[in-house]
Amino acid sequence: MMLTQMDRLAIYSVLCFITFCSLVIRSPDEMSIFALGGLIAAALGLWFELTNSPELEEEN
């Protein structure tokens, strides 16, 4: 089963939100490099999906 553009955007948005919340909730001395890396990776995936979105352009 292939994921649609909107499915991937929803997944990346949820991942960004979860990793951002995990960074905000923790104290600065407990900050995890994996959470920061996850936030950067999810943000890059979201940016990539939004810049290469012929499916979204067709809907407008």
PDB file of N, CA and C in Angstrom:
ATOM      1  N   MET A   1       0.836  -1.173   0.000  1.00  0.00           N
ATOM      2  CA  MET A   1       0.000   0.000   0.000  1.00  0.00           C
ATOM      3  C   MET A   1       0.887   1.244   0.000  1.00  0.00           C
ATOM      4  N   MET A   2       0.628   2.141  -0.920  1.00  0.00           N
ATOM      5  CA  MET A   2       1.399   3.372  -1.028  1.00  0.00           C
ATOM      6  C   MET A   2       0.729   4.478  -0.216  1.00  0.00           C
ATOM      7  N   LEU A   3       1.536   5.291   0.428  1.00  0.00           N
ATOM      8  CA  LEU A   3       1.019   6.425   1.174  1.00  0.00           C
ATOM      9  C   LEU A   3       0.850   7.614   0.238  1.00  0.00           C
ATOM     10  N   THR A   4      -0.218   8.346   0.428  1.00  0.00           N
ATOM     11  CA  THR A   4      -0.433   9.531  -0.393  1.00  0.00           C
ATOM     12  C   THR A   4       0.372  10.686   0.189  1.00  0.00           C
ATOM     13  N   GLN A   5       0.420  11.767  -0.563  1.00  0.00           N
ATOM     14  CA  GLN A   5       1.130  12.971  -0.136  1.00  0.00           C
ATOM     15  C   GLN A   5       0.579  13.485   1.199  1.00  0.00           C
ATOM     16  N   MET A   6      -0.727  13.497   1.346  1.00  0.00           N
ATOM     17  CA  MET A   6      -1.342  13.996   2.579  1.00  0.00           C
ATOM     18  C   MET A   6      -1.030  13.079   3.760  1.00  0.00           C
ATOM     19  N   ASP A   7      -0.950  11.776   3.523  1.00  0.00           N
ATOM     20  CA  ASP A   7      -0.587  10.837   4.583  1.00  0.00           C
ATOM     21  C   ASP A   7       0.823  11.120   5.086  1.00  0.00           C
ATOM     22  N   ARG A   8       1.753  11.305   4.152  1.00  0.00           N
ATOM     23  CA  ARG A   8       3.139  11.587   4.540  1.00  0.00           C
ATOM     24  C   ARG A   8       3.248  12.923   5.257  1.00  0.00           C
ATOM     25  N   LEU A   9       2.518  13.940   4.809  1.00  0.00           N
ATOM     26  CA  LEU A   9       2.537  15.234   5.487  1.00  0.00           C
ATOM     27  C   LEU A   9       1.998  15.120   6.910  1.00  0.00           C
ATOM     28  N   ALA A  10       0.943  14.341   7.093  1.00  0.00           N
ATOM     29  CA  ALA A  10       0.382  14.147   8.426  1.00  0.00           C
ATOM     30  C   ALA A  10       1.372  13.428   9.338  1.00  0.00           C
ATOM     31  N   ILE A  11       2.043  12.416   8.818  1.00  0.00           N
ATOM     32  CA  ILE A  11       3.014  11.665   9.613  1.00  0.00           C
ATOM     33  C   ILE A  11       4.171  12.560  10.028  1.00  0.00           C
ATOM     34  N   TYR A  12       4.725  13.332   9.077  1.00  0.00           N
ATOM     35  CA  TYR A  12       5.833  14.231   9.408  1.00  0.00           C
ATOM     36  C   TYR A  12       5.405  15.313  10.393  1.00  0.00           C
ATOM     37  N   SER A  13       4.197  15.814  10.261  1.00  0.00           N
ATOM     38  CA  SER A  13       3.713  16.844  11.186  1.00  0.00           C
ATOM     39  C   SER A  13       3.590  16.294  12.604  1.00  0.00           C
ATOM     40  N   VAL A  14       3.049  15.091  12.732  1.00  0.00           N
ATOM     41  CA  VAL A  14       2.913  14.468  14.048  1.00  0.00           C
ATOM     42  C   VAL A  14       4.286  14.176  14.647  1.00  0.00           C
ATOM     43  N   LEU A  15       5.215  13.709  13.833  1.00  0.00           N
ATOM     44  CA  LEU A  15       6.563  13.449  14.340  1.00  0.00           C
ATOM     45  C   LEU A  15       7.241  14.729  14.805  1.00  0.00           C
ATOM     46  N   CYS A  16       7.075  15.818  14.044  1.00  0.00           N
ATOM     47  CA  CYS A  16       7.626  17.112  14.466  1.00  0.00           C
ATOM     48  C   CYS A  16       7.037  17.533  15.804  1.00  0.00           C
ATOM     49  N   PHE A  17       5.739  17.399  15.947  1.00  0.00           N
ATOM     50  CA  PHE A  17       5.070  17.810  17.180  1.00  0.00           C
ATOM     51  C   PHE A  17       5.546  16.981  18.369  1.00  0.00           C
ATOM     52  N   ILE A  18       5.639  15.672  18.196  1.00  0.00           N
ATOM     53  CA  ILE A  18       6.048  14.796  19.291  1.00  0.00           C
ATOM     54  C   ILE A  18       7.484  15.079  19.711  1.00  0.00           C
ATOM     55  N   THR A  19       8.396  15.202  18.753  1.00  0.00           N
ATOM     56  CA  THR A  19       9.792  15.441  19.118  1.00  0.00           C
ATOM     57  C   THR A  19       9.978  16.835  19.701  1.00  0.00           C
ATOM     58  N   PHE A  20       9.233  17.824  19.197  1.00  0.00           N
ATOM     59  CA  PHE A  20       9.317  19.170  19.771  1.00  0.00           C
ATOM     60  C   PHE A  20       8.833  19.160  21.224  1.00  0.00           C
ATOM     61  N   CYS A  21       7.724  18.476  21.469  1.00  0.00           N
ATOM     62  CA  CYS A  21       7.207  18.392  22.844  1.00  0.00           C
ATOM     63  C   CYS A  21       8.173  17.655  23.756  1.00  0.00           C
ATOM     64  N   SER A  22       8.816  16.628  23.263  1.00  0.00           N
ATOM     65  CA  SER A  22       9.770  15.898  24.104  1.00  0.00           C
ATOM     66  C   SER A  22      10.984  16.761  24.428  1.00  0.00           C
ATOM     67  N   LEU A  23      11.360  17.659  23.528  1.00  0.00           N
ATOM     68  CA  LEU A  23      12.470  18.565  23.826  1.00  0.00           C
ATOM     69  C   LEU A  23      12.056  19.646  24.821  1.00  0.00           C
ATOM     70  N   VAL A  24      10.834  20.136  24.707  1.00  0.00           N
ATOM     71  CA  VAL A  24      10.365  21.217  25.577  1.00  0.00           C
ATOM     72  C   VAL A  24      10.115  20.709  26.994  1.00  0.00           C
ATOM     73  N   ILE A  25       9.578  19.503  27.126  1.00  0.00           N
ATOM     74  CA  ILE A  25       9.229  18.959  28.444  1.00  0.00           C
ATOM     75  C   ILE A  25      10.472  18.640  29.277  1.00  0.00           C
ATOM     76  N   ARG A  26      11.514  18.179  28.624  1.00  0.00           N
ATOM     77  CA  ARG A  26      12.719  17.795  29.362  1.00  0.00           C
ATOM     78  C   ARG A  26      13.486  19.025  29.839  1.00  0.00           C
ATOM     79  N   SER A  27      14.246  18.842  30.895  1.00  0.00           N
ATOM     80  CA  SER A  27      15.114  19.921  31.359  1.00  0.00           C
ATOM     81  C   SER A  27      16.339  19.989  30.450  1.00  0.00           C
ATOM     82  N   PRO A  28      16.993  21.149  30.390  1.00  0.00           N
ATOM     83  CA  PRO A  28      18.134  21.298  29.466  1.00  0.00           C
ATOM     84  C   PRO A  28      19.273  20.316  29.701  1.00  0.00           C
ATOM     85  N   ASP A  29      19.487  19.887  30.933  1.00  0.00           N
ATOM     86  CA  ASP A  29      20.578  18.942  31.182  1.00  0.00           C
ATOM     87  C   ASP A  29      20.223  17.515  30.787  1.00  0.00           C
ATOM     88  N   GLU A  30      18.945  17.233  30.520  1.00  0.00           N
ATOM     89  CA  GLU A  30      18.521  15.899  30.076  1.00  0.00           C
ATOM     90  C   GLU A  30      18.292  15.842  28.568  1.00  0.00           C
ATOM     91  N   MET A  31      18.654  16.885  27.856  1.00  0.00           N
ATOM     92  CA  MET A  31      18.361  16.939  26.428  1.00  0.00           C
ATOM     93  C   MET A  31      19.053  15.789  25.689  1.00  0.00           C
ATOM     94  N   SER A  32      18.298  15.139  24.858  1.00  0.00           N
ATOM     95  CA  SER A  32      18.803  13.991  24.122  1.00  0.00           C
ATOM     96  C   SER A  32      19.157  14.407  22.697  1.00  0.00           C
ATOM     97  N   ILE A  33      20.286  13.946  22.227  1.00  0.00           N
ATOM     98  CA  ILE A  33      20.707  14.234  20.852  1.00  0.00           C
ATOM     99  C   ILE A  33      19.790  13.514  19.865  1.00  0.00           C
ATOM    100  N   PHE A  34      19.204  12.413  20.307  1.00  0.00           N
ATOM    101  CA  PHE A  34      18.298  11.671  19.429  1.00  0.00           C
ATOM    102  C   PHE A  34      16.994  12.433  19.208  1.00  0.00           C
ATOM    103  N   ALA A  35      16.492  13.093  20.244  1.00  0.00           N
ATOM    104  CA  ALA A  35      15.276  13.890  20.089  1.00  0.00           C
ATOM    105  C   ALA A  35      15.540  15.076  19.170  1.00  0.00           C
ATOM    106  N   LEU A  36      16.679  15.710  19.333  1.00  0.00           N
ATOM    107  CA  LEU A  36      17.039  16.834  18.463  1.00  0.00           C
ATOM    108  C   LEU A  36      17.225  16.360  17.024  1.00  0.00           C
ATOM    109  N   GLY A  37      17.874  15.227  16.852  1.00  0.00           N
ATOM    110  CA  GLY A  37      18.041  14.655  15.516  1.00  0.00           C
ATOM    111  C   GLY A  37      16.711  14.261  14.891  1.00  0.00           C
ATOM    112  N   GLY A  38      15.799  13.744  15.712  1.00  0.00           N
ATOM    113  CA  GLY A  38      14.468  13.389  15.220  1.00  0.00           C
ATOM    114  C   GLY A  38      13.686  14.602  14.774  1.00  0.00           C
ATOM    115  N   LEU A  39      13.811  15.697  15.526  1.00  0.00           N
ATOM    116  CA  LEU A  39      13.135  16.938  15.149  1.00  0.00           C
ATOM    117  C   LEU A  39      13.682  17.471  13.835  1.00  0.00           C
ATOM    118  N   ILE A  40      14.987  17.453  13.681  1.00  0.00           N
ATOM    119  CA  ILE A  40      15.603  17.934  12.441  1.00  0.00           C
ATOM    120  C   ILE A  40      15.211  17.044  11.269  1.00  0.00           C
ATOM    121  N   ALA A  41      15.220  15.731  11.470  1.00  0.00           N
ATOM    122  CA  ALA A  41      14.859  14.807  10.394  1.00  0.00           C
ATOM    123  C   ALA A  41      13.396  14.964   9.997  1.00  0.00           C
ATOM    124  N   ALA A  42      12.501  15.107  10.972  1.00  0.00           N
ATOM    125  CA  ALA A  42      11.086  15.285  10.664  1.00  0.00           C
ATOM    126  C   ALA A  42      10.843  16.621   9.968  1.00  0.00           C
ATOM    127  N   ALA A  43      11.537  17.664  10.406  1.00  0.00           N
ATOM    128  CA  ALA A  43      11.392  18.970   9.762  1.00  0.00           C
ATOM    129  C   ALA A  43      11.905  18.932   8.325  1.00  0.00           C
ATOM    130  N   LEU A  44      13.003  18.249   8.097  1.00  0.00           N
ATOM    131  CA  LEU A  44      13.515  18.118   6.727  1.00  0.00           C
ATOM    132  C   LEU A  44      12.561  17.309   5.855  1.00  0.00           C
ATOM    133  N   GLY A  45      12.003  16.251   6.401  1.00  0.00           N
ATOM    134  CA  GLY A  45      11.028  15.461   5.644  1.00  0.00           C
ATOM    135  C   GLY A  45       9.793  16.268   5.306  1.00  0.00           C
ATOM    136  N   LEU A  46       9.328  17.055   6.265  1.00  0.00           N
ATOM    137  CA  LEU A  46       8.172  17.923   6.036  1.00  0.00           C
ATOM    138  C   LEU A  46       8.491  18.970   4.980  1.00  0.00           C
ATOM    139  N   TRP A  47       9.659  19.570   5.068  1.00  0.00           N
ATOM    140  CA  TRP A  47      10.070  20.574   4.077  1.00  0.00           C
ATOM    141  C   TRP A  47      10.178  19.939   2.688  1.00  0.00           C
ATOM    142  N   PHE A  48      10.767  18.743   2.611  1.00  0.00           N
ATOM    143  CA  PHE A  48      10.914  18.063   1.325  1.00  0.00           C
ATOM    144  C   PHE A  48       9.553  17.743   0.715  1.00  0.00           C
ATOM    145  N   GLU A  49       8.610  17.280   1.530  1.00  0.00           N
ATOM    146  CA  GLU A  49       7.275  16.959   1.032  1.00  0.00           C
ATOM    147  C   GLU A  49       6.537  18.209   0.555  1.00  0.00           C
ATOM    148  N   LEU A  50       6.738  19.329   1.246  1.00  0.00           N
ATOM    149  CA  LEU A  50       6.037  20.554   0.866  1.00  0.00           C
ATOM    150  C   LEU A  50       6.635  21.199  -0.381  1.00  0.00           C
ATOM    151  N   THR A  51       7.947  21.062  -0.596  1.00  0.00           N
ATOM    152  CA  THR A  51       8.549  21.663  -1.786  1.00  0.00           C
ATOM    153  C   THR A  51       8.309  20.817  -3.030  1.00  0.00           C
ATOM    154  N   ASN A  52       8.195  19.514  -2.883  1.00  0.00           N
ATOM    155  CA  ASN A  52       7.936  18.621  -4.019  1.00  0.00           C
ATOM    156  C   ASN A  52       6.513  18.105  -3.933  1.00  0.00           C
ATOM    157  N   SER A  53       5.546  18.982  -4.162  1.00  0.00           N
ATOM    158  CA  SER A  53       4.156  18.598  -3.943  1.00  0.00           C
ATOM    159  C   SER A  53       3.294  18.830  -5.175  1.00  0.00           C
ATOM    160  N   PRO A  54       3.487  18.056  -6.237  1.00  0.00           N
ATOM    161  CA  PRO A  54       2.596  18.219  -7.394  1.00  0.00           C
ATOM    162  C   PRO A  54       1.161  17.814  -7.068  1.00  0.00           C
ATOM    163  N   GLU A  55       0.983  16.903  -6.109  1.00  0.00           N
ATOM    164  CA  GLU A  55      -0.364  16.470  -5.725  1.00  0.00           C
ATOM    165  C   GLU A  55      -1.120  17.611  -5.045  1.00  0.00           C
ATOM    166  N   LEU A  56      -0.402  18.386  -4.208  1.00  0.00           N
ATOM    167  CA  LEU A  56      -1.043  19.516  -3.531  1.00  0.00           C
ATOM    168  C   LEU A  56      -1.377  20.635  -4.526  1.00  0.00           C
ATOM    169  N   GLU A  57      -0.519  20.830  -5.536  1.00  0.00           N
ATOM    170  CA  GLU A  57      -0.777  21.860  -6.533  1.00  0.00           C
ATOM    171  C   GLU A  57      -2.011  21.528  -7.376  1.00  0.00           C
ATOM    172  N   GLU A  58      -2.223  20.239  -7.608  1.00  0.00           N
ATOM    173  CA  GLU A  58      -3.393  19.827  -8.396  1.00  0.00           C
ATOM    174  C   GLU A  58      -4.681  20.064  -7.647  1.00  0.00           C
ATOM    175  N   GLU A  59      -4.650  19.935  -6.294  1.00  0.00           N
ATOM    176  CA  GLU A  59      -5.862  20.110  -5.510  1.00  0.00           C
ATOM    177  C   GLU A  59      -6.321  21.561  -5.459  1.00  0.00           C
ATOM    178  N   ASN A  60      -5.370  22.495  -5.551  1.00  0.00           N
ATOM    179  CA  ASN A  60      -5.730  23.933  -5.440  1.00  0.00           C
ATOM    180  C   ASN A  60      -6.382  24.462  -6.671  1.00  0.00           C
TER     181      ASN A  60
END
